[in-house]
Amino acid sequence: MLDLLKAVAIGLAAILPLANPLTTVALMMGLSRGMDEAERNRQALRASIYVFVIMAVAYYVGQLVMNVFGISITGLRIAGGLIVSFIGFRMLFPEQRLDETPEVERRSEELRQHRTEDIAFIPLAMPSTAGPGTIALIISLAAAVRDERPYAEWVMLAAPPLVFALASLILLLCLRSATRIMRVLGHSGVEAFSRLMGFLLVCIGVQFVVNGIYEIAAEVQARLA
């Protein structure tokens, strides 16, 4: 049992800094302005479930899937950067929607409860929480565990799902706090925060792409040397 607790603690310590649930909280605050509390809670729960599934798939079959489709970690990083940049631009320069005009303000309140926009998978689960860095780490850890086998067999079977479940639970608790934060900030505060997060997301996405291009250049240089 002590080995199990140790393995789970090591797994969480490795995954949480990359997953960074607080960043996902900020992203949710910027993207869920038109949602009521119940819808935000549903999105939080679904995002947490998606994160668990993504991490589990990455651990058990991640390397196989990437090999089958010929996807590299560099390609995954660049794709994630493009997605993050696109979302950031949308937050930084939001479109003027019809339901924001004064003539239909009353009707817009009735329509908001039927809002169907899904932000749980993209971007909350991926690439914000279970992004390229997290997936790459999980695939690397899976390979290392299979090669070194540092714990008993039952520990290596039980620890990964426990780590992913606890990481998803921590994300859920953090996302649930976004509702209270938004209530304190108010509409104008959330709007300003959304613009700021949009700018930061554009910067983060561009950095992902730059890192991916740098990795490609380094590989090409190594082959030519």
Protein backbone atom coordinates (compact mmCIF):
# COMPACT_ATOMS: atom_id res chain seq x y z
CA MET A 1 0.00 0.00 0.00
CA LEU A 2 2.88 2.35 0.76
CA ASP A 3 4.29 1.73 -2.71
CA LEU A 4 0.90 2.57 -4.22
CA LEU A 5 0.71 5.87 -2.34
CA LYS A 6 4.26 6.68 -3.37
CA ALA A 7 3.57 5.92 -7.03
CA VAL A 8 0.39 8.03 -7.01
CA ALA A 9 2.17 10.95 -5.33
CA ILE A 10 5.01 10.83 -7.86
CA GLY A 11 2.54 10.67 -10.74
CA LEU A 12 0.55 13.69 -9.51
CA ALA A 13 3.74 15.66 -8.86
CA ALA A 14 4.81 15.04 -12.45
CA ILE A 15 1.46 15.71 -14.16
CA LEU A 16 -0.08 18.64 -12.25
CA PRO A 17 2.62 21.25 -13.06
CA LEU A 18 2.10 20.61 -16.78
CA ALA A 19 -1.68 20.23 -16.59
CA ASN A 20 -1.91 23.44 -14.49
CA PRO A 21 -5.64 23.45 -13.57
CA LEU A 22 -5.50 27.15 -12.58
CA THR A 23 -4.81 28.11 -16.20
CA THR A 24 -7.87 26.11 -17.24
CA VAL A 25 -9.93 27.99 -14.64
CA ALA A 26 -8.91 31.30 -16.18
CA LEU A 27 -9.75 29.99 -19.64
CA MET A 28 -13.19 28.84 -18.51
CA MET A 29 -13.92 32.24 -17.00
CA GLY A 30 -13.20 33.85 -20.35
CA LEU A 31 -15.23 31.42 -22.47
CA SER A 32 -18.32 30.85 -20.32
CA ARG A 33 -19.65 34.40 -19.99
CA GLY A 34 -23.03 33.55 -21.53
CA MET A 35 -23.59 30.39 -19.52
CA ASP A 36 -25.57 30.02 -16.34
CA GLU A 37 -24.13 28.30 -13.29
CA ALA A 38 -25.68 24.92 -14.09
CA GLU A 39 -24.23 24.91 -17.60
CA ARG A 40 -20.78 25.91 -16.34
CA ASN A 41 -20.90 23.05 -13.83
CA ARG A 42 -21.85 20.63 -16.61
CA GLN A 43 -18.98 21.86 -18.74
CA ALA A 44 -16.61 21.47 -15.77
CA LEU A 45 -17.73 17.89 -15.16
CA ARG A 46 -17.47 16.95 -18.83
CA ALA A 47 -14.03 18.56 -19.12
CA SER A 48 -12.81 16.54 -16.13
CA ILE A 49 -14.12 13.32 -17.65
CA TYR A 50 -12.47 14.15 -20.98
CA VAL A 51 -9.16 14.81 -19.22
CA PHE A 52 -9.32 11.41 -17.52
CA VAL A 53 -10.05 9.69 -20.85
CA ILE A 54 -7.27 11.58 -22.70
CA MET A 55 -4.70 10.76 -20.03
CA ALA A 56 -5.72 7.10 -19.90
CA VAL A 57 -5.59 6.76 -23.69
CA ALA A 58 -2.20 8.50 -23.78
CA TYR A 59 -0.84 6.12 -21.13
CA TYR A 60 -2.13 2.84 -22.48
CA VAL A 61 -2.19 3.31 -26.28
CA GLY A 62 -0.77 6.78 -26.89
CA GLN A 63 2.50 5.71 -28.48
CA LEU A 64 0.73 3.12 -30.63
CA VAL A 65 -1.84 5.64 -31.93
CA MET A 66 0.82 8.23 -32.74
CA ASN A 67 2.92 5.63 -34.55
CA VAL A 68 -0.07 4.37 -36.56
CA PHE A 69 -0.98 7.86 -37.77
CA GLY A 70 2.61 9.05 -38.05
CA ILE A 71 2.10 11.88 -35.54
CA SER A 72 5.13 13.22 -33.72
CA ILE A 73 5.22 15.12 -30.44
CA THR A 74 6.45 18.12 -32.45
CA GLY A 75 3.41 17.95 -34.72
CA LEU A 76 1.14 17.62 -31.70
CA ARG A 77 2.79 20.67 -30.15
CA ILE A 78 2.35 22.83 -33.27
CA ALA A 79 -1.29 21.74 -33.70
CA GLY A 80 -2.01 22.58 -30.06
CA GLY A 81 -0.36 25.97 -30.50
CA LEU A 82 -2.52 26.79 -33.52
CA ILE A 83 -5.68 25.82 -31.63
CA VAL A 84 -4.73 27.90 -28.59
CA SER A 85 -3.87 30.90 -30.80
CA PHE A 86 -7.21 30.68 -32.63
CA ILE A 87 -9.13 30.58 -29.35
CA GLY A 88 -7.07 33.49 -28.04
CA PHE A 89 -7.89 35.62 -31.08
CA ARG A 90 -11.60 34.90 -30.60
CA MET A 91 -11.40 35.99 -26.97
CA LEU A 92 -9.32 39.06 -27.80
CA PHE A 93 -11.58 40.20 -30.65
CA PRO A 94 -15.06 38.84 -29.86
CA GLU A 95 -17.73 39.11 -32.52
CA GLN A 96 -20.72 41.37 -31.91
CA ARG A 97 -23.66 39.03 -31.63
CA LEU A 98 -27.29 39.85 -32.16
CA ASP A 99 -28.22 38.84 -28.63
CA GLU A 100 -25.94 41.60 -27.29
CA THR A 101 -27.99 44.43 -28.86
CA PRO A 102 -30.44 46.32 -26.59
CA GLU A 103 -33.48 45.50 -28.79
CA VAL A 104 -33.29 41.80 -28.00
CA GLU A 105 -31.77 41.90 -24.51
CA ARG A 106 -34.83 40.38 -22.88
CA ARG A 107 -35.07 37.64 -25.48
CA SER A 108 -31.35 36.89 -25.20
CA GLU A 109 -31.76 36.09 -21.50
CA GLU A 110 -34.33 33.45 -22.48
CA LEU A 111 -32.04 32.00 -25.12
CA ARG A 112 -28.96 31.82 -22.91
CA GLN A 113 -30.36 28.91 -20.97
CA HIS A 114 -30.45 26.97 -24.23
CA ARG A 115 -26.84 27.78 -25.09
CA THR A 116 -25.27 24.70 -26.68
CA GLU A 117 -21.66 25.78 -27.18
CA ASP A 118 -19.38 23.05 -25.90
CA ILE A 119 -16.04 24.17 -24.50
CA ALA A 120 -15.43 21.06 -22.38
CA PHE A 121 -13.26 19.10 -24.81
CA ILE A 122 -11.67 21.99 -26.74
CA PRO A 123 -10.11 23.97 -25.18
CA LEU A 124 -10.66 23.06 -21.50
CA ALA A 125 -9.62 19.40 -21.68
CA MET A 126 -7.31 19.71 -24.67
CA PRO A 127 -5.02 21.52 -25.23
CA SER A 128 -5.38 23.51 -21.98
CA THR A 129 -5.15 20.68 -19.44
CA ALA A 130 -4.17 17.52 -21.31
CA GLY A 131 -2.06 19.35 -23.88
CA PRO A 132 0.96 18.24 -25.92
CA GLY A 133 3.33 18.54 -22.97
CA THR A 134 1.12 16.48 -20.67
CA ILE A 135 0.51 13.82 -23.31
CA ALA A 136 4.22 13.60 -24.13
CA LEU A 137 5.05 13.23 -20.42
CA ILE A 138 2.45 10.48 -19.93
CA ILE A 139 3.69 8.54 -22.97
CA SER A 140 7.27 8.85 -21.71
CA LEU A 141 6.29 7.72 -18.20
CA ALA A 142 4.40 4.75 -19.63
CA ALA A 143 7.46 3.64 -21.58
CA ALA A 144 9.73 4.10 -18.54
CA VAL A 145 7.41 2.13 -16.24
CA ARG A 146 7.17 -0.76 -18.71
CA ASP A 147 10.94 -0.88 -19.12
CA GLU A 148 12.05 -0.41 -15.51
CA ARG A 149 9.07 -1.95 -13.66
CA PRO A 150 9.95 -0.18 -10.37
CA TYR A 151 6.93 -1.46 -8.40
CA ALA A 152 4.95 -4.64 -7.95
CA GLU A 153 2.63 -5.63 -10.78
CA TRP A 154 -0.56 -4.72 -8.93
CA VAL A 155 0.83 -1.28 -8.08
CA MET A 156 1.65 -0.56 -11.73
CA LEU A 157 -1.88 -1.62 -12.68
CA ALA A 158 -3.67 0.43 -10.00
CA ALA A 159 -1.54 3.59 -9.83
CA PRO A 160 -2.10 5.10 -13.33
CA PRO A 161 -5.94 5.20 -13.21
CA LEU A 162 -5.77 6.55 -9.65
CA VAL A 163 -3.39 9.32 -10.73
CA PHE A 164 -5.59 10.28 -13.67
CA ALA A 165 -8.76 10.17 -11.54
CA LEU A 166 -7.23 12.38 -8.84
CA ALA A 167 -5.90 14.85 -11.43
CA SER A 168 -9.37 15.03 -13.01
CA LEU A 169 -10.98 15.52 -9.59
CA ILE A 170 -8.59 18.38 -8.79
CA LEU A 171 -9.46 19.97 -12.14
CA LEU A 172 -13.20 19.60 -11.41
CA LEU A 173 -12.86 21.29 -8.01
CA CYS A 174 -10.86 24.13 -9.55
CA LEU A 175 -13.35 24.66 -12.40
CA ARG A 176 -16.28 24.69 -9.96
CA SER A 177 -14.58 27.62 -8.20
CA ALA A 178 -14.71 29.64 -11.45
CA THR A 179 -18.43 30.28 -10.90
CA ARG A 180 -17.79 31.99 -7.56
CA ILE A 181 -14.92 34.00 -9.02
CA MET A 182 -17.10 35.21 -11.89
CA ARG A 183 -19.83 36.20 -9.43
CA VAL A 184 -17.35 38.38 -7.55
CA LEU A 185 -15.86 40.01 -10.65
CA GLY A 186 -19.16 40.80 -12.33
CA HIS A 187 -19.83 41.11 -16.07
CA SER A 188 -17.40 43.95 -16.78
CA GLY A 189 -14.62 42.32 -14.78
CA VAL A 190 -15.05 39.01 -16.58
CA GLU A 191 -15.09 40.82 -19.94
CA ALA A 192 -11.80 42.56 -19.18
CA PHE A 193 -10.31 39.34 -17.84
CA SER A 194 -11.39 37.54 -21.00
CA ARG A 195 -9.55 40.04 -23.22
CA LEU A 196 -6.42 39.69 -21.08
CA MET A 197 -6.59 35.89 -21.22
CA GLY A 198 -7.11 36.07 -24.98
CA PHE A 199 -3.87 38.01 -25.37
CA LEU A 200 -1.99 35.57 -23.14
CA LEU A 201 -3.40 32.60 -25.03
CA VAL A 202 -2.22 34.04 -28.34
CA CYS A 203 1.25 34.42 -26.85
CA ILE A 204 1.19 30.87 -25.46
CA GLY A 205 -0.04 29.43 -28.75
CA VAL A 206 2.62 31.25 -30.75
CA GLN A 207 5.27 30.01 -28.32
CA PHE A 208 4.05 26.43 -28.82
CA VAL A 209 4.42 26.84 -32.58
CA VAL A 210 7.86 28.46 -32.22
CA ASN A 211 9.01 25.60 -29.98
CA GLY A 212 7.74 23.07 -32.51
CA ILE A 213 9.53 24.80 -35.37
CA TYR A 214 12.70 25.00 -33.26
CA GLU A 215 12.52 21.26 -32.62
CA ILE A 216 12.13 20.57 -36.35
CA ALA A 217 15.11 22.80 -37.13
CA ALA A 218 17.19 21.04 -34.48
CA GLU A 219 16.30 17.62 -35.92
CA VAL A 220 17.20 18.75 -39.45
CA GLN A 221 20.49 20.20 -38.23
CA ALA A 222 21.32 16.97 -36.37
CA ARG A 223 20.67 14.90 -39.49
CA LEU A 224 22.83 17.15 -41.66
CA ALA A 225 25.70 17.17 -39.16
